[in-house]
Amino acid sequence: MPFTLVRNDITKMQVDAIVNAANNSLLGGGGVDGAIHRAAGPALLAECRTLGGCATGSAKITGAGRLPCRYVIHTVGPVWHGGGCGEREALASCYRTSLELAAAHGCESVAFPLISAGIYGYPADRAIQVAEQTILAFLQEHELQVYLVLFDRTAFRLSGERRRDIAAYIDDRYVDEHTDHTLESRRMAAAQQADTFFDLQARFNAPAPAAAADRELREAVSHLDESFSQMLLRKIDERGMTDVQCYKRANISRKLFSKIRSDVQYRPSKPTALAFAVALRLPLAETCELLQKAGFALSRSNRFDIIVEYFIARGCYDIFEINEALFAFDQSLLGG
C-alpha cells in the first residue's frame, strides 16, 4: 500500500496507529511528544509509566487514550552529533521497529512524524531520506498505508538548486491563470490528435516491406479502442513487469490496482494515471497517450502537470522524488 507525505497535525490523523517521537523516559516532553500526550489525556502517561522507558532506536506500543487512533507507538530517535555516531542506523531502526510493531498488532495504517528533526537536530533533508528509504524497504514486503506527517511547510525544504530549476521550468511553460482553460484544453487535444495522425502517416508512408507495414498498421489500429485498464496491463506485460512491481512503484494500493484490473472501463484519477506512467517509465509521448485513455491531458495551465512533466522529460522516474517536489510546491501527490 502507498506511502504519502501529508501536512497535518499528527494528533488528528485517523489511522490505526500514530508514532510518537519520544524521549528515553517515555514520560512526555516537548514538541510532538508533548502534543500527543496532551491530546491523548492522562491515560497515555499512566500506561507509559509501566513500560520502563525505551532505548534509542527501539519502539514500544500503548493504547491511544482520547486520540482518534487505536495505538500510539513510542520510538526514541537519535540526537544529531554530526552524522558520525551511528545516527543514521539508529534513526532507520526507529522507523523499522515501529513498522514491525504496527504490523504485529494488525494495523493497516500508521502515521509518523519526522523523527529527530526537531530539538534533536537531525537535518530535515537527511531525516526525510532515511524515513523514505526505510519505509519503502518495509513496504516491499508488507501491505500497509504509511503517512509521513509534516506539521507545516517549514518542516520540509526542497534543495535550493532543484527548487529553482523547477520554478524556472514552470515559469517557461505556465499559461497565465486567466487563460481560457477550456479553449486551451481543446487546442491541446486537437494538437495531440494531429500529432498522432501525422506520426502514423509518416510511419506508414516510410519505405518498409508490405507485410511489416500491414502488421504495424493492424497493431496500431487494434490499440485505438483500448481502455485505460487494457493499455496499462499491456504496458506492464511489454516491460516484463509483474503487477506487484508496477503498483508498488506507482505508490498504489493492491486494492485499487485490483479494481483497475477487474474493471475494463475503470477511470482513474489523474494522479493515479500519472503514477502508473512513472512506474512504467513511459516517455512523455506515451505518458500523454495513457492519460488520454483516462480522459486527461497535460496542461500548461496546471502547475501539477508541469512539475510531473519536468521529471519525465529528464528521465527521472523516482515517484518519491517527484512527490517531494509536488509537496514543496503545495500540489497533489502521485499515487496514494
Protein backbone atom coordinates (compact mmCIF):
# COMPACT_ATOMS: atom_id res chain seq x y z
CA MET A 1 0.00 0.00 0.00
CA PRO A 2 1.19 3.57 -0.58
CA PHE A 3 3.46 5.93 1.31
CA THR A 4 2.31 9.54 1.42
CA LEU A 5 3.63 12.89 2.63
CA VAL A 6 0.91 14.93 4.32
CA ARG A 7 0.76 18.31 6.02
CA ASN A 8 -1.32 17.87 9.15
CA ASP A 9 -1.40 17.70 12.93
CA ILE A 10 -0.46 14.11 13.74
CA THR A 11 -2.82 14.05 16.73
CA LYS A 12 -5.73 14.42 14.29
CA MET A 13 -4.72 11.60 11.93
CA GLN A 14 -7.44 8.94 11.72
CA VAL A 15 -5.22 5.90 11.33
CA ASP A 16 -4.70 2.68 13.25
CA ALA A 17 -1.51 3.93 14.90
CA ILE A 18 0.45 7.13 15.21
CA VAL A 19 4.12 7.21 16.11
CA ASN A 20 5.37 9.42 18.91
CA ALA A 21 8.88 10.84 18.75
CA ALA A 22 9.51 10.25 22.44
CA ASN A 23 12.43 10.58 24.81
CA ASN A 24 14.02 7.66 26.66
CA SER A 25 11.74 8.01 29.70
CA LEU A 26 8.51 7.83 27.63
CA LEU A 27 7.00 10.22 30.17
CA GLY A 28 6.29 13.11 27.84
CA GLY A 29 8.26 16.11 26.71
CA GLY A 30 8.11 18.94 24.21
CA GLY A 31 7.28 19.12 20.51
CA VAL A 32 5.37 16.19 19.02
CA ASP A 33 5.78 14.19 22.25
CA GLY A 34 4.07 16.86 24.35
CA ALA A 35 1.32 17.43 21.77
CA ILE A 36 0.47 13.72 21.66
CA HIS A 37 0.33 13.40 25.45
CA ARG A 38 -1.86 16.49 25.77
CA ALA A 39 -4.29 15.22 23.12
CA ALA A 40 -4.35 11.66 24.50
CA GLY A 41 -5.00 12.64 28.11
CA PRO A 42 -3.68 11.16 31.39
CA ALA A 43 -4.39 7.53 30.45
CA LEU A 44 -1.47 7.57 27.99
CA LEU A 45 1.03 8.77 30.59
CA ALA A 46 -0.27 6.22 33.10
CA GLU A 47 0.36 3.39 30.63
CA CYS A 48 3.77 4.77 29.67
CA ARG A 49 4.83 4.67 33.33
CA THR A 50 4.54 0.87 33.21
CA LEU A 51 6.93 0.44 30.26
CA GLY A 52 10.24 1.21 31.96
CA GLY A 53 11.45 3.62 29.29
CA CYS A 54 12.78 2.83 25.82
CA ALA A 55 16.25 2.62 24.25
CA THR A 56 17.26 4.84 21.35
CA GLY A 57 16.29 3.20 18.06
CA SER A 58 13.68 0.98 19.71
CA ALA A 59 9.89 1.30 19.99
CA LYS A 60 7.07 0.36 22.38
CA ILE A 61 3.31 0.41 21.90
CA THR A 62 0.42 1.61 24.06
CA GLY A 63 -3.23 2.45 23.76
CA ALA A 64 -4.18 5.87 22.45
CA GLY A 65 -6.30 7.47 25.17
CA ARG A 66 -8.51 10.16 23.64
CA LEU A 67 -6.72 10.18 20.28
CA PRO A 68 -8.67 9.11 17.15
CA CYS A 69 -6.38 6.11 16.60
CA ARG A 70 -6.08 2.68 18.21
CA TYR A 71 -2.44 2.77 19.25
CA VAL A 72 0.47 5.06 19.94
CA ILE A 73 3.89 3.66 19.06
CA HIS A 74 6.62 5.40 21.03
CA THR A 75 10.09 5.47 19.49
CA VAL A 76 13.24 7.25 20.58
CA GLY A 77 15.26 8.91 17.85
CA PRO A 78 18.96 9.74 17.97
CA VAL A 79 20.38 13.14 18.83
CA TRP A 80 22.38 14.54 15.90
CA HIS A 81 26.13 14.68 16.61
CA GLY A 82 27.32 15.35 13.08
CA GLY A 83 26.45 12.02 11.49
CA GLY A 84 29.46 10.01 12.63
CA CYS A 85 27.98 8.46 15.75
CA GLY A 86 25.57 5.92 14.28
CA GLU A 87 22.71 8.41 13.96
CA ARG A 88 21.53 7.10 10.61
CA GLU A 89 21.36 3.48 11.74
CA ALA A 90 19.51 4.45 14.92
CA LEU A 91 17.01 6.57 13.01
CA ALA A 92 16.35 3.82 10.46
CA SER A 93 15.81 1.43 13.38
CA CYS A 94 13.14 3.79 14.79
CA TYR A 95 11.09 3.52 11.61
CA ARG A 96 11.69 -0.19 11.11
CA THR A 97 10.85 -1.29 14.68
CA SER A 98 7.77 0.98 14.72
CA LEU A 99 6.52 -0.55 11.47
CA GLU A 100 7.15 -4.06 12.78
CA LEU A 101 5.11 -3.27 15.90
CA ALA A 102 2.30 -1.83 13.78
CA ALA A 103 2.20 -4.92 11.57
CA ALA A 104 2.34 -7.27 14.58
CA HIS A 105 -0.73 -5.54 16.05
CA GLY A 106 -2.76 -5.81 12.85
CA CYS A 107 -2.52 -2.16 11.86
CA GLU A 108 -3.38 -1.26 8.28
CA SER A 109 -2.36 2.39 8.53
CA VAL A 110 0.28 4.26 10.51
CA ALA A 111 1.37 7.91 10.67
CA PHE A 112 4.90 9.05 11.50
CA PRO A 113 6.24 12.47 12.42
CA LEU A 114 9.67 13.38 11.08
CA ILE A 115 11.64 11.71 13.87
CA SER A 116 14.67 13.52 15.38
CA ALA A 117 14.34 16.53 13.05
CA GLY A 118 13.17 18.87 15.84
CA ILE A 119 15.10 19.59 19.02
CA TYR A 120 17.30 16.52 18.42
CA GLY A 121 18.82 18.42 15.50
CA TYR A 122 18.82 15.81 12.73
CA PRO A 123 18.94 17.72 9.39
CA ALA A 124 15.45 17.55 7.89
CA ASP A 125 16.56 16.62 4.36
CA ARG A 126 18.62 13.71 5.67
CA ALA A 127 15.87 12.68 8.09
CA ILE A 128 13.35 12.51 5.24
CA GLN A 129 15.76 10.43 3.16
CA VAL A 130 16.18 7.89 5.97
CA ALA A 131 12.43 7.80 6.56
CA GLU A 132 11.63 7.20 2.89
CA GLN A 133 14.26 4.53 2.33
CA THR A 134 13.36 2.58 5.47
CA ILE A 135 9.60 2.80 4.95
CA LEU A 136 9.82 1.84 1.27
CA ALA A 137 12.03 -1.17 2.06
CA PHE A 138 9.42 -2.34 4.59
CA LEU A 139 6.55 -1.82 2.15
CA GLN A 140 8.18 -4.08 -0.41
CA GLU A 141 7.19 -6.98 1.85
CA HIS A 142 4.10 -5.63 3.61
CA GLU A 143 0.74 -4.10 2.73
CA LEU A 144 0.40 -1.01 4.88
CA GLN A 145 -0.68 2.61 4.39
CA VAL A 146 2.07 4.84 5.77
CA TYR A 147 1.94 8.61 6.19
CA LEU A 148 4.85 10.91 6.95
CA VAL A 149 3.17 13.85 8.67
CA LEU A 150 4.80 17.27 8.46
CA PHE A 151 3.16 19.96 10.55
CA ASP A 152 3.88 22.82 8.15
CA ARG A 153 5.79 23.71 5.03
CA THR A 154 8.84 24.91 7.00
CA ALA A 155 9.44 21.31 8.11
CA PHE A 156 10.36 20.36 4.55
CA ARG A 157 12.74 22.09 2.19
CA LEU A 158 13.44 21.04 -1.38
CA SER A 159 17.07 21.66 -2.30
CA GLY A 160 17.62 25.23 -3.48
CA GLU A 161 19.02 24.20 -6.86
CA ARG A 162 16.16 21.76 -7.61
CA ARG A 163 13.52 24.26 -6.47
CA ARG A 164 14.99 27.00 -8.69
CA ASP A 165 15.22 24.63 -11.66
CA ILE A 166 11.59 23.52 -11.30
CA ALA A 167 10.41 27.10 -10.72
CA ALA A 168 12.16 28.19 -13.92
CA TYR A 169 10.62 25.27 -15.83
CA ILE A 170 7.17 26.30 -14.58
CA ASP A 171 7.75 29.96 -15.48
CA ASP A 172 8.80 29.00 -19.00
CA ARG A 173 5.70 26.89 -19.62
CA TYR A 174 2.94 28.08 -17.34
CA VAL A 175 -0.08 29.68 -19.03
CA ASP A 176 -1.47 32.61 -17.05
CA GLU A 177 -4.35 31.66 -14.76
CA HIS A 178 -6.71 33.96 -16.69
CA THR A 179 -6.23 31.97 -19.89
CA ASP A 180 -9.41 30.30 -21.10
CA HIS A 181 -8.58 26.80 -19.81
CA THR A 182 -11.34 25.13 -21.79
CA LEU A 183 -10.11 26.61 -25.04
CA GLU A 184 -6.53 25.74 -24.12
CA SER A 185 -7.53 22.13 -23.38
CA ARG A 186 -9.34 21.87 -26.73
CA ARG A 187 -6.31 23.23 -28.55
CA MET A 188 -4.02 20.76 -26.78
CA ALA A 189 -6.31 17.82 -27.54
CA ALA A 190 -6.52 18.83 -31.20
CA ALA A 191 -2.75 19.23 -31.41
CA GLN A 192 -2.19 15.83 -29.82
CA GLN A 193 -4.63 14.20 -32.22
CA ALA A 194 -2.93 15.89 -35.16
CA ASP A 195 0.49 14.78 -33.91
CA THR A 196 -0.77 11.21 -33.60
CA PHE A 197 -2.24 11.32 -37.12
CA PHE A 198 0.91 12.70 -38.72
CA ASP A 199 3.12 10.30 -36.75
CA LEU A 200 1.06 7.38 -38.05
CA GLN A 201 1.01 8.83 -41.56
CA ALA A 202 4.78 9.28 -41.57
CA ARG A 203 5.28 5.82 -40.16
CA PHE A 204 3.16 4.06 -42.77
CA ASN A 205 4.44 6.16 -45.69
CA ALA A 206 8.01 5.24 -44.86
CA PRO A 207 9.59 2.54 -47.07
CA ALA A 208 9.05 -0.85 -45.46
CA PRO A 209 8.16 -4.36 -46.52
CA ALA A 210 4.42 -4.55 -47.19
CA ALA A 211 3.83 -7.35 -44.69
CA ALA A 212 5.66 -5.49 -41.88
CA ALA A 213 3.80 -2.24 -42.58
CA ASP A 214 0.48 -4.09 -42.65
CA ARG A 215 1.28 -5.78 -39.35
CA GLU A 216 2.25 -2.47 -37.75
CA LEU A 217 -0.91 -0.79 -39.02
CA ARG A 218 -3.14 -3.57 -37.66
CA GLU A 219 -1.41 -3.36 -34.30
CA ALA A 220 -1.80 0.43 -34.10
CA VAL A 221 -5.49 0.27 -35.08
CA SER A 222 -6.13 -2.52 -32.56
CA HIS A 223 -4.96 -0.20 -29.76
CA LEU A 224 -7.22 2.70 -30.71
CA ASP A 225 -10.19 1.39 -28.74
CA GLU A 226 -8.19 0.25 -25.71
CA SER A 227 -9.43 1.39 -22.32
CA PHE A 228 -7.05 2.74 -19.69
CA SER A 229 -7.07 -0.62 -17.92
CA GLN A 230 -6.29 -2.55 -21.10
CA MET A 231 -3.47 -0.23 -22.09
CA LEU A 232 -2.00 -0.31 -18.58
CA LEU A 233 -1.96 -4.11 -18.46
CA ARG A 234 -0.45 -4.29 -21.96
CA LYS A 235 2.32 -1.87 -20.97
CA ILE A 236 3.08 -3.91 -17.84
CA ASP A 237 3.46 -7.04 -19.96
CA GLU A 238 5.56 -5.27 -22.60
CA ARG A 239 8.02 -4.14 -19.92
CA GLY A 240 8.26 -7.58 -18.36
CA MET A 241 6.99 -6.31 -15.01
CA THR A 242 4.75 -8.09 -12.54
CA ASP A 243 1.56 -6.45 -11.31
CA VAL A 244 3.06 -6.15 -7.82
CA GLN A 245 6.18 -4.43 -9.11
CA CYS A 246 4.06 -1.97 -11.04
CA TYR A 247 1.59 -0.94 -8.36
CA LYS A 248 4.31 -0.66 -5.71
CA ARG A 249 6.45 1.53 -7.98
CA ALA A 250 3.32 3.60 -8.64
CA ASN A 251 2.70 4.02 -4.90
CA ILE A 252 -0.76 2.48 -5.41
CA SER A 253 -2.54 0.08 -3.08
CA ARG A 254 -3.21 -3.52 -4.08
CA LYS A 255 -6.92 -2.89 -3.54
CA LEU A 256 -7.01 -0.04 -6.06
CA PHE A 257 -4.95 -1.96 -8.58
CA SER A 258 -7.36 -4.90 -8.29
CA LYS A 259 -10.26 -2.58 -9.12
CA ILE A 260 -8.45 -1.29 -12.19
CA ARG A 261 -7.56 -4.81 -13.34
CA SER A 262 -11.05 -6.22 -12.85
CA ASP A 263 -12.99 -3.31 -14.40
CA VAL A 264 -12.04 -2.75 -18.02
CA GLN A 265 -13.83 0.63 -18.02
CA TYR A 266 -12.29 1.91 -14.77
CA ARG A 267 -11.45 5.62 -14.93
CA PRO A 268 -8.61 6.53 -12.54
CA SER A 269 -7.86 9.97 -11.17
CA LYS A 270 -5.19 11.98 -12.94
CA PRO A 271 -2.59 11.47 -10.14
CA THR A 272 -3.21 7.72 -10.33
CA ALA A 273 -2.84 7.62 -14.12
CA LEU A 274 0.39 9.63 -13.94
CA ALA A 275 1.69 7.42 -11.14
CA PHE A 276 1.40 4.40 -13.42
CA ALA A 277 3.14 6.29 -16.23
CA VAL A 278 6.02 6.98 -13.84
CA ALA A 279 6.09 3.38 -12.60
CA LEU A 280 6.27 2.15 -16.20
CA ARG A 281 8.95 4.73 -17.05
CA LEU A 282 6.94 5.93 -20.04
CA PRO A 283 8.42 8.74 -22.16
CA LEU A 284 6.36 11.90 -22.43
CA ALA A 285 4.50 10.91 -25.62
CA GLU A 286 3.41 7.56 -24.16
CA THR A 287 2.51 9.26 -20.88
CA CYS A 288 0.15 11.56 -22.78
CA GLU A 289 -1.33 8.56 -24.58
CA LEU A 290 -2.01 6.75 -21.29
CA LEU A 291 -3.54 9.92 -19.83
CA GLN A 292 -5.84 10.26 -22.84
CA LYS A 293 -7.19 6.76 -22.16
CA ALA A 294 -8.27 8.04 -18.75
CA GLY A 295 -9.78 11.22 -20.21
CA PHE A 296 -6.97 13.62 -19.27
CA ALA A 297 -4.22 15.67 -20.90
CA LEU A 298 -1.18 17.50 -19.61
CA SER A 299 -1.97 21.20 -19.36
CA ARG A 300 0.26 24.25 -19.41
CA SER A 301 -2.19 25.98 -17.04
CA ASN A 302 -1.65 23.43 -14.27
CA ARG A 303 1.47 23.54 -12.10
CA PHE A 304 0.96 19.92 -11.04
CA ASP A 305 1.15 18.80 -14.67
CA ILE A 306 4.19 20.91 -15.43
CA ILE A 307 6.13 19.60 -12.42
CA VAL A 308 5.43 15.98 -13.37
CA GLU A 309 6.39 16.77 -16.98
CA TYR A 310 9.65 18.31 -15.70
CA PHE A 311 10.74 14.98 -14.18
CA ILE A 312 9.55 12.76 -17.05
CA ALA A 313 11.28 14.99 -19.61
CA ARG A 314 14.52 14.48 -17.66
CA GLY A 315 14.10 10.71 -17.37
CA CYS A 316 13.63 10.87 -13.60
CA TYR A 317 11.07 8.24 -12.58
CA ASP A 318 11.55 8.15 -8.81
CA ILE A 319 7.98 8.69 -7.67
CA PHE A 320 9.02 9.81 -4.20
CA GLU A 321 11.44 12.37 -5.55
CA ILE A 322 8.61 13.68 -7.74
CA ASN A 323 6.26 13.73 -4.75
CA GLU A 324 8.78 15.67 -2.67
CA ALA A 325 8.79 18.35 -5.36
CA LEU A 326 4.99 18.35 -5.62
CA PHE A 327 4.75 18.62 -1.85
CA ALA A 328 7.22 21.51 -1.76
CA PHE A 329 5.12 23.37 -4.36
CA ASP A 330 1.89 22.60 -2.47
CA GLN A 331 0.47 20.29 -5.15
CA SER A 332 -1.37 16.96 -5.03
CA LEU A 333 0.87 13.89 -4.89
CA LEU A 334 1.12 10.93 -7.26
CA GLY A 335 -0.29 7.57 -6.24
CA GLY A 336 -1.81 7.01 -2.85
